[in-house]
Amino acid sequence: MKINDAFFGLVLAILGALVLFTVRSYPTIPGQQVGPALFPGLIATGILFCGLVLIVRGWLARKAAPWVVPGDWMRSPRHVAAFVLLVASVLFYIFAAEKLGFLPTATLILWAMFCVLRVPLGKSLLIAAITTLVIHFMFYKLLRVPLPWGILVNYSW
C-alpha cells in the first residue's frame, strides 16, 4: 500500500514538535551552555524538519498520484484476514496477557497465525507451544523480563 508522504510527514512533524515542547521544561545546568535538552532538541528539530519536507513533497505530488494506493495484497481475502489477525493479536495480547498469562496468550496468538498461514492444525499447535516456551525462556530466564503468569501463577518457575 502506498500512502502519500504528507501523512507521514505530518506524523513526524507533530512528534518533533511534541518533543521540542517537552524539552523546554528540562532543567538547565548552572554554569553550562548545554543541558539535558540539547541532544533531544537537536534530534526533534531534525525530525520536525524532515516531516515538513515530507509534507511539502506529498502536497506537490498529490496531483500525480492519489493519496492512497492499495497494494495487490488487499485484493486477497487471505492476506487481508492475516493483516486483521495481526492487529487483533496485538490488541488481544494487550488486554489478555495479564489475566491469561504470557504462555497461553502467546500460544493462542501463534496458533491462530499459523492457521491463517495454512499450517496443519496439529503441527501448528505443536510449533506454537514450543516457540512460546523458547521465547518465554529467553525473555524470562535469560533477559529477566517479568512476563505475566496469569492463570498459571501456581505453576511458575
Protein backbone atom coordinates (compact mmCIF):
# COMPACT_ATOMS: atom_id res chain seq x y z
CA MET A 1 0.00 0.00 0.00
CA LYS A 2 1.31 3.43 -0.87
CA ILE A 3 0.25 6.34 1.31
CA ASN A 4 1.09 9.92 0.40
CA ASP A 5 4.24 11.25 2.10
CA ALA A 6 2.29 14.18 3.53
CA PHE A 7 0.56 11.87 6.02
CA PHE A 8 3.82 10.50 7.46
CA GLY A 9 5.34 13.98 7.30
CA LEU A 10 2.52 15.27 9.45
CA VAL A 11 3.07 12.47 11.98
CA LEU A 12 6.82 13.22 12.12
CA ALA A 13 6.25 16.97 12.38
CA ILE A 14 3.83 16.51 15.28
CA LEU A 15 6.25 14.12 17.01
CA GLY A 16 9.15 16.57 16.60
CA ALA A 17 7.05 19.48 17.86
CA LEU A 18 5.91 17.48 20.91
CA VAL A 19 9.49 16.59 21.80
CA LEU A 20 10.59 20.22 21.38
CA PHE A 21 7.73 21.33 23.62
CA THR A 22 8.69 18.72 26.23
CA VAL A 23 12.42 19.51 26.34
CA ARG A 24 11.68 23.16 27.09
CA SER A 25 10.89 22.11 30.66
CA TYR A 26 14.16 20.23 31.17
CA PRO A 27 16.34 21.81 33.85
CA THR A 28 19.47 23.77 32.99
CA ILE A 29 22.84 23.02 34.49
CA PRO A 30 24.29 26.09 36.26
CA GLY A 31 27.47 27.33 34.60
CA GLN A 32 26.96 25.21 31.47
CA GLN A 33 25.97 26.32 27.99
CA VAL A 34 24.43 22.93 27.22
CA GLY A 35 21.98 20.90 29.25
CA PRO A 36 19.95 17.71 29.05
CA ALA A 37 17.62 19.27 26.45
CA LEU A 38 20.33 19.84 23.83
CA PHE A 39 20.52 16.47 22.09
CA PRO A 40 16.81 15.59 22.25
CA GLY A 41 16.10 19.11 20.99
CA LEU A 42 18.52 18.74 18.08
CA ILE A 43 17.06 15.38 17.11
CA ALA A 44 13.50 16.72 17.43
CA THR A 45 14.42 19.67 15.23
CA GLY A 46 15.75 17.29 12.59
CA ILE A 47 12.60 15.16 12.79
CA LEU A 48 10.42 18.26 12.52
CA PHE A 49 12.38 19.50 9.51
CA CYS A 50 12.16 16.09 7.77
CA GLY A 51 8.45 15.99 8.50
CA LEU A 52 7.95 19.39 6.90
CA VAL A 53 9.95 18.29 3.84
CA LEU A 54 7.73 15.19 3.52
CA ILE A 55 4.60 17.32 3.84
CA VAL A 56 5.77 19.60 1.02
CA ARG A 57 6.79 16.64 -1.18
CA GLY A 58 3.49 14.90 -0.58
CA TRP A 59 1.50 18.04 -1.24
CA LEU A 60 3.30 18.65 -4.53
CA ALA A 61 2.87 15.01 -5.61
CA ARG A 62 -0.84 14.83 -4.77
CA LYS A 63 -1.86 15.60 -8.37
CA ALA A 64 0.42 12.94 -9.87
CA ALA A 65 -0.84 10.09 -7.68
CA PRO A 66 -3.81 9.54 -5.38
CA TRP A 67 -3.41 9.94 -1.61
CA VAL A 68 -3.71 6.18 -1.01
CA VAL A 69 -2.89 3.41 -3.48
CA PRO A 70 -3.94 -0.05 -2.22
CA GLY A 71 -1.45 -2.83 -2.77
CA ASP A 72 -2.14 -6.04 -4.65
CA TRP A 73 -2.33 -7.95 -1.37
CA MET A 74 -5.51 -6.06 -0.45
CA ARG A 75 -7.38 -7.94 -3.19
CA SER A 76 -6.65 -11.25 -1.47
CA PRO A 77 -9.10 -12.12 1.33
CA ARG A 78 -6.49 -14.38 2.95
CA HIS A 79 -3.92 -11.61 3.12
CA VAL A 80 -6.45 -9.12 4.48
CA ALA A 81 -7.51 -11.69 7.10
CA ALA A 82 -3.85 -12.18 8.08
CA PHE A 83 -3.40 -8.42 8.48
CA VAL A 84 -6.57 -8.10 10.56
CA LEU A 85 -5.45 -11.07 12.68
CA LEU A 86 -2.08 -9.41 13.27
CA VAL A 87 -3.69 -6.21 14.55
CA ALA A 88 -6.24 -8.21 16.58
CA SER A 89 -3.41 -10.31 18.06
CA VAL A 90 -1.62 -7.23 19.37
CA LEU A 91 -4.85 -5.96 20.93
CA PHE A 92 -5.61 -9.41 22.35
CA TYR A 93 -2.17 -9.58 23.95
CA ILE A 94 -2.56 -6.10 25.46
CA PHE A 95 -5.92 -6.93 27.05
CA ALA A 96 -5.50 -10.64 27.86
CA ALA A 97 -1.87 -11.19 28.84
CA GLU A 98 -2.23 -10.09 32.47
CA LYS A 99 -5.25 -12.32 33.10
CA LEU A 100 -4.35 -15.34 30.97
CA GLY A 101 -0.58 -15.07 31.23
CA PHE A 102 2.12 -14.96 28.58
CA LEU A 103 2.24 -18.68 27.85
CA PRO A 104 -1.44 -19.26 26.95
CA THR A 105 -1.82 -15.87 25.24
CA ALA A 106 1.26 -16.22 23.04
CA THR A 107 0.42 -19.84 22.21
CA LEU A 108 -3.10 -18.85 21.10
CA ILE A 109 -1.78 -15.95 19.01
CA LEU A 110 0.88 -18.06 17.29
CA TRP A 111 -1.57 -20.91 16.71
CA ALA A 112 -4.08 -18.53 15.08
CA MET A 113 -1.39 -17.04 12.87
CA PHE A 114 -0.17 -20.47 11.79
CA CYS A 115 -3.76 -21.44 10.95
CA VAL A 116 -4.13 -18.36 8.72
CA LEU A 117 -0.87 -19.36 7.03
CA ARG A 118 -2.44 -22.78 6.39
CA VAL A 119 -0.09 -24.80 8.57
CA PRO A 120 -1.77 -28.14 9.50
CA LEU A 121 -3.67 -27.98 12.80
CA GLY A 122 -1.58 -30.41 14.87
CA LYS A 123 1.72 -29.13 13.58
CA SER A 124 0.69 -25.50 14.14
CA LEU A 125 -0.28 -26.15 17.76
CA LEU A 126 2.96 -28.01 18.46
CA ILE A 127 5.12 -25.32 16.84
CA ALA A 128 3.20 -22.55 18.64
CA ALA A 129 3.66 -24.23 22.04
CA ILE A 130 7.39 -24.93 21.54
CA THR A 131 8.06 -21.46 20.15
CA THR A 132 6.22 -19.85 23.07
CA LEU A 133 8.24 -21.87 25.58
CA VAL A 134 11.51 -20.90 23.88
CA ILE A 135 10.54 -17.22 23.79
CA HIS A 136 9.44 -17.39 27.42
CA PHE A 137 12.74 -18.98 28.46
CA MET A 138 14.77 -16.38 26.57
CA PHE A 139 12.91 -13.37 27.96
CA TYR A 140 12.02 -14.63 31.45
CA LYS A 141 15.17 -16.54 32.38
CA LEU A 142 17.97 -15.08 30.25
CA LEU A 143 16.89 -11.44 29.90
CA ARG A 144 14.96 -11.34 33.21
CA VAL A 145 11.89 -9.69 31.67
CA PRO A 146 8.95 -10.13 34.07
CA LEU A 147 6.36 -11.81 31.86
CA PRO A 148 2.86 -12.25 33.32
CA TRP A 149 1.89 -15.70 34.62
CA GLY A 150 -1.88 -15.14 34.75
CA ILE A 151 -3.80 -18.38 35.30
CA LEU A 152 -0.54 -20.33 35.54
CA VAL A 153 0.78 -18.41 38.56
CA ASN A 154 0.67 -21.56 40.72
CA TYR A 155 2.96 -23.32 38.22
CA SER A 156 5.53 -20.53 37.78
CA TRP A 157 9.19 -21.49 37.77
